[in-house]
């Protein structure tokens, strides 16, 4: 998905925050659904991803292929218990 395909409100949030929620998806073999986001990597541009690991990090797949000092966590979502407080 490209940022230009988003509705106006989501395009504005994407430009301000660098990420925007798209939808929940459940793939074959998954026990539940995960939220998917459109995220902007400063080096590679927009990509779709879902939160990974305990810290629920969003990672650019192209940045992960580079040496350790190039790995980037482009954005992370608050954990559910942090949101309840």
N, C-alpha and C. Protein backbone atom coordinates (compact mmCIF):
# COMPACT_ATOMS: atom_id res chain seq x y z
N UNK A 1 0.84 -1.18 0.00
CA UNK A 1 0.00 0.00 0.00
C UNK A 1 0.89 1.24 0.00
N UNK A 2 0.48 2.24 -0.73
CA UNK A 2 1.20 3.50 -0.77
C UNK A 2 0.47 4.51 0.10
N UNK A 3 1.21 5.49 0.59
CA UNK A 3 0.60 6.53 1.43
C UNK A 3 -0.47 7.29 0.65
N UNK A 4 -0.31 7.42 -0.65
CA UNK A 4 -1.29 8.15 -1.46
C UNK A 4 -2.61 7.41 -1.57
N UNK A 5 -2.63 6.11 -1.25
CA UNK A 5 -3.86 5.32 -1.29
C UNK A 5 -4.70 5.46 -0.02
N UNK A 6 -4.15 6.09 1.00
CA UNK A 6 -4.84 6.23 2.29
C UNK A 6 -5.90 7.33 2.23
N UNK A 7 -6.95 7.22 3.04
CA UNK A 7 -7.89 8.32 3.19
C UNK A 7 -7.16 9.55 3.76
N UNK A 8 -7.71 10.72 3.55
CA UNK A 8 -7.05 11.98 3.94
C UNK A 8 -6.62 12.00 5.40
N UNK A 9 -7.49 11.59 6.31
CA UNK A 9 -7.15 11.62 7.74
C UNK A 9 -5.95 10.74 8.06
N UNK A 10 -5.89 9.55 7.48
CA UNK A 10 -4.77 8.65 7.72
C UNK A 10 -3.49 9.17 7.05
N UNK A 11 -3.62 9.80 5.88
CA UNK A 11 -2.44 10.39 5.23
C UNK A 11 -1.82 11.47 6.11
N UNK A 12 -2.67 12.29 6.72
CA UNK A 12 -2.18 13.36 7.60
C UNK A 12 -1.47 12.75 8.80
N UNK A 13 -2.09 11.74 9.46
CA UNK A 13 -1.45 11.10 10.61
C UNK A 13 -0.14 10.43 10.20
N UNK A 14 -0.10 9.83 9.00
CA UNK A 14 1.12 9.18 8.52
C UNK A 14 2.25 10.21 8.35
N UNK A 15 1.93 11.36 7.81
CA UNK A 15 2.96 12.39 7.62
C UNK A 15 3.43 12.98 8.95
N UNK A 16 2.54 13.09 9.91
CA UNK A 16 2.92 13.66 11.22
C UNK A 16 3.68 12.65 12.07
N UNK A 17 3.16 11.44 12.20
CA UNK A 17 3.71 10.45 13.13
C UNK A 17 4.64 9.42 12.48
N UNK A 18 4.63 9.30 11.16
CA UNK A 18 5.49 8.34 10.48
C UNK A 18 4.94 6.92 10.47
N UNK A 19 3.75 6.73 10.99
CA UNK A 19 3.09 5.42 10.94
C UNK A 19 1.59 5.62 11.12
N UNK A 20 0.83 4.68 10.59
CA UNK A 20 -0.62 4.75 10.72
C UNK A 20 -1.18 3.32 10.70
N UNK A 21 -2.18 3.09 11.53
CA UNK A 21 -2.86 1.78 11.60
C UNK A 21 -3.61 1.53 10.30
N UNK A 22 -3.48 0.31 9.76
CA UNK A 22 -4.22 -0.06 8.55
C UNK A 22 -5.42 -0.94 8.88
N UNK A 23 -5.16 -2.12 9.48
CA UNK A 23 -6.23 -3.06 9.79
C UNK A 23 -5.66 -4.23 10.59
N UNK A 24 -6.55 -5.04 11.16
CA UNK A 24 -6.14 -6.30 11.79
C UNK A 24 -6.21 -7.39 10.72
N UNK A 25 -5.18 -8.25 10.70
CA UNK A 25 -5.14 -9.35 9.74
C UNK A 25 -4.81 -10.64 10.48
N UNK A 26 -5.37 -11.73 9.98
CA UNK A 26 -5.04 -13.04 10.53
C UNK A 26 -4.62 -13.93 9.37
N UNK A 27 -3.38 -14.37 9.40
CA UNK A 27 -2.85 -15.25 8.37
C UNK A 27 -3.04 -16.70 8.76
N UNK A 28 -3.00 -17.56 7.77
CA UNK A 28 -3.14 -18.99 8.01
C UNK A 28 -2.05 -19.47 8.96
N UNK A 29 -2.45 -20.20 9.99
CA UNK A 29 -1.51 -20.71 10.97
C UNK A 29 -1.34 -19.80 12.19
N UNK A 30 -1.84 -18.59 12.12
CA UNK A 30 -1.76 -17.68 13.28
C UNK A 30 -2.90 -18.01 14.23
N UNK A 31 -2.65 -17.85 15.53
CA UNK A 31 -3.69 -18.14 16.51
C UNK A 31 -4.66 -16.97 16.68
N UNK A 32 -4.29 -15.80 16.25
CA UNK A 32 -5.15 -14.62 16.36
C UNK A 32 -4.77 -13.61 15.30
N UNK A 33 -5.38 -12.46 15.38
CA UNK A 33 -5.08 -11.41 14.40
C UNK A 33 -4.11 -10.39 15.01
N UNK A 34 -3.37 -9.73 14.15
CA UNK A 34 -2.43 -8.70 14.57
C UNK A 34 -2.74 -7.40 13.85
N UNK A 35 -2.47 -6.27 14.50
CA UNK A 35 -2.65 -4.99 13.82
C UNK A 35 -1.52 -4.78 12.82
N UNK A 36 -1.85 -4.29 11.65
CA UNK A 36 -0.86 -3.95 10.64
C UNK A 36 -0.81 -2.43 10.48
N UNK A 37 0.40 -1.93 10.29
CA UNK A 37 0.64 -0.51 10.18
C UNK A 37 1.39 -0.19 8.89
N UNK A 38 1.16 0.98 8.36
CA UNK A 38 2.01 1.53 7.31
C UNK A 38 3.00 2.41 8.03
N UNK A 39 4.29 2.12 7.85
CA UNK A 39 5.36 2.79 8.59
C UNK A 39 6.32 3.41 7.59
N UNK A 40 6.89 4.57 7.93
CA UNK A 40 7.84 5.22 7.05
C UNK A 40 9.26 5.03 7.56
N UNK A 41 10.11 4.38 6.76
CA UNK A 41 11.53 4.26 7.06
C UNK A 41 12.22 5.48 6.44
N UNK A 42 13.03 6.22 7.20
CA UNK A 42 13.67 7.40 6.64
C UNK A 42 14.59 7.09 5.46
N UNK A 43 15.09 5.85 5.40
CA UNK A 43 16.01 5.49 4.32
C UNK A 43 15.33 4.80 3.14
N UNK A 44 14.33 3.94 3.43
CA UNK A 44 13.73 3.12 2.38
C UNK A 44 12.30 3.48 2.02
N UNK A 45 11.68 4.36 2.76
CA UNK A 45 10.31 4.76 2.46
C UNK A 45 9.28 3.89 3.16
N UNK A 46 8.01 3.96 2.74
CA UNK A 46 6.92 3.27 3.43
C UNK A 46 6.96 1.75 3.26
N UNK A 47 6.54 1.06 4.32
CA UNK A 47 6.39 -0.40 4.30
C UNK A 47 5.30 -0.79 5.27
N UNK A 48 4.71 -1.97 5.08
CA UNK A 48 3.68 -2.50 5.98
C UNK A 48 4.33 -3.48 6.94
N UNK A 49 3.91 -3.44 8.20
CA UNK A 49 4.47 -4.35 9.20
C UNK A 49 3.50 -4.51 10.35
N UNK A 50 3.75 -5.52 11.16
CA UNK A 50 3.00 -5.73 12.39
C UNK A 50 4.00 -5.75 13.54
N UNK A 51 3.56 -5.47 14.78
CA UNK A 51 4.48 -5.41 15.91
C UNK A 51 5.15 -6.77 16.18
N UNK A 52 6.46 -6.72 16.44
CA UNK A 52 7.26 -7.92 16.68
C UNK A 52 7.76 -7.95 18.11
N UNK A 53 7.76 -9.13 18.72
CA UNK A 53 8.37 -9.32 20.02
C UNK A 53 7.63 -8.70 21.18
N UNK A 54 8.24 -8.84 22.35
CA UNK A 54 7.64 -8.33 23.59
C UNK A 54 7.47 -6.81 23.55
N UNK A 55 8.45 -6.12 22.97
CA UNK A 55 8.39 -4.66 22.89
C UNK A 55 7.52 -4.16 21.75
N UNK A 56 6.97 -5.08 20.97
CA UNK A 56 6.07 -4.76 19.86
C UNK A 56 6.69 -3.72 18.92
N UNK A 57 7.89 -4.04 18.42
CA UNK A 57 8.63 -3.13 17.55
C UNK A 57 8.20 -3.29 16.10
N UNK A 58 8.23 -2.19 15.37
CA UNK A 58 8.02 -2.20 13.93
C UNK A 58 9.39 -2.00 13.30
N UNK A 59 9.81 -2.96 12.44
CA UNK A 59 11.16 -2.91 11.87
C UNK A 59 11.11 -2.93 10.35
N UNK A 60 11.91 -2.08 9.75
CA UNK A 60 12.03 -2.07 8.29
C UNK A 60 12.75 -3.34 7.85
N UNK A 61 12.16 -4.13 6.94
CA UNK A 61 12.81 -5.37 6.52
C UNK A 61 14.13 -5.13 5.79
N UNK A 62 14.28 -4.02 5.11
CA UNK A 62 15.53 -3.73 4.40
C UNK A 62 16.63 -3.32 5.36
N UNK A 63 16.29 -2.62 6.44
CA UNK A 63 17.29 -2.22 7.43
C UNK A 63 17.78 -3.42 8.23
N UNK A 64 16.96 -4.45 8.41
CA UNK A 64 17.35 -5.64 9.17
C UNK A 64 18.46 -6.41 8.47
N UNK A 65 18.56 -6.29 7.15
CA UNK A 65 19.56 -7.03 6.38
C UNK A 65 20.96 -6.41 6.46
N UNK A 66 21.07 -5.24 7.06
CA UNK A 66 22.35 -4.55 7.14
C UNK A 66 23.06 -4.88 8.45
N UNK A 67 24.33 -4.52 8.58
CA UNK A 67 25.07 -4.78 9.83
C UNK A 67 24.36 -4.18 11.05
N UNK A 68 24.73 -4.68 12.24
CA UNK A 68 24.04 -4.32 13.49
C UNK A 68 23.86 -2.83 13.69
N UNK A 69 24.88 -2.02 13.37
CA UNK A 69 24.76 -0.59 13.62
C UNK A 69 23.74 0.07 12.69
N UNK A 70 23.29 -0.63 11.65
CA UNK A 70 22.30 -0.08 10.72
C UNK A 70 20.89 -0.54 11.06
N UNK A 71 20.74 -1.53 11.96
CA UNK A 71 19.40 -1.98 12.33
C UNK A 71 18.66 -0.83 13.00
N UNK A 72 17.39 -0.69 12.66
CA UNK A 72 16.61 0.41 13.22
C UNK A 72 15.26 -0.08 13.70
N UNK A 73 14.87 0.40 14.81
CA UNK A 73 13.48 0.25 15.23
C UNK A 73 12.83 1.55 14.81
N UNK A 74 11.97 1.48 13.80
CA UNK A 74 11.39 2.68 13.24
C UNK A 74 10.30 3.23 14.14
N UNK A 75 9.60 2.38 14.83
CA UNK A 75 8.55 2.83 15.74
C UNK A 75 8.15 1.68 16.63
N UNK A 76 7.60 2.00 17.77
CA UNK A 76 7.09 0.93 18.63
C UNK A 76 5.78 1.40 19.23
N UNK A 77 4.96 0.44 19.52
CA UNK A 77 3.65 0.72 20.08
C UNK A 77 3.70 0.49 21.58
N UNK A 78 2.91 1.25 22.36
CA UNK A 78 2.88 0.98 23.79
C UNK A 78 2.30 -0.40 24.07
N UNK A 79 2.83 -1.04 25.10
CA UNK A 79 2.30 -2.34 25.48
C UNK A 79 0.89 -2.19 26.03
N UNK A 80 0.12 -3.25 25.94
CA UNK A 80 -1.29 -3.17 26.36
C UNK A 80 -1.42 -2.76 27.83
N UNK A 81 -0.53 -3.27 28.69
CA UNK A 81 -0.65 -2.92 30.11
C UNK A 81 -0.29 -1.45 30.34
N UNK A 82 0.56 -0.86 29.48
CA UNK A 82 0.89 0.56 29.60
C UNK A 82 -0.30 1.42 29.18
N UNK A 83 -1.08 0.92 28.23
CA UNK A 83 -2.22 1.69 27.73
C UNK A 83 -3.34 1.73 28.76
N UNK A 84 -3.42 0.71 29.63
CA UNK A 84 -4.49 0.64 30.62
C UNK A 84 -4.28 1.63 31.76
N UNK A 85 -3.03 2.01 31.99
CA UNK A 85 -2.72 2.90 33.11
C UNK A 85 -3.12 4.33 32.85
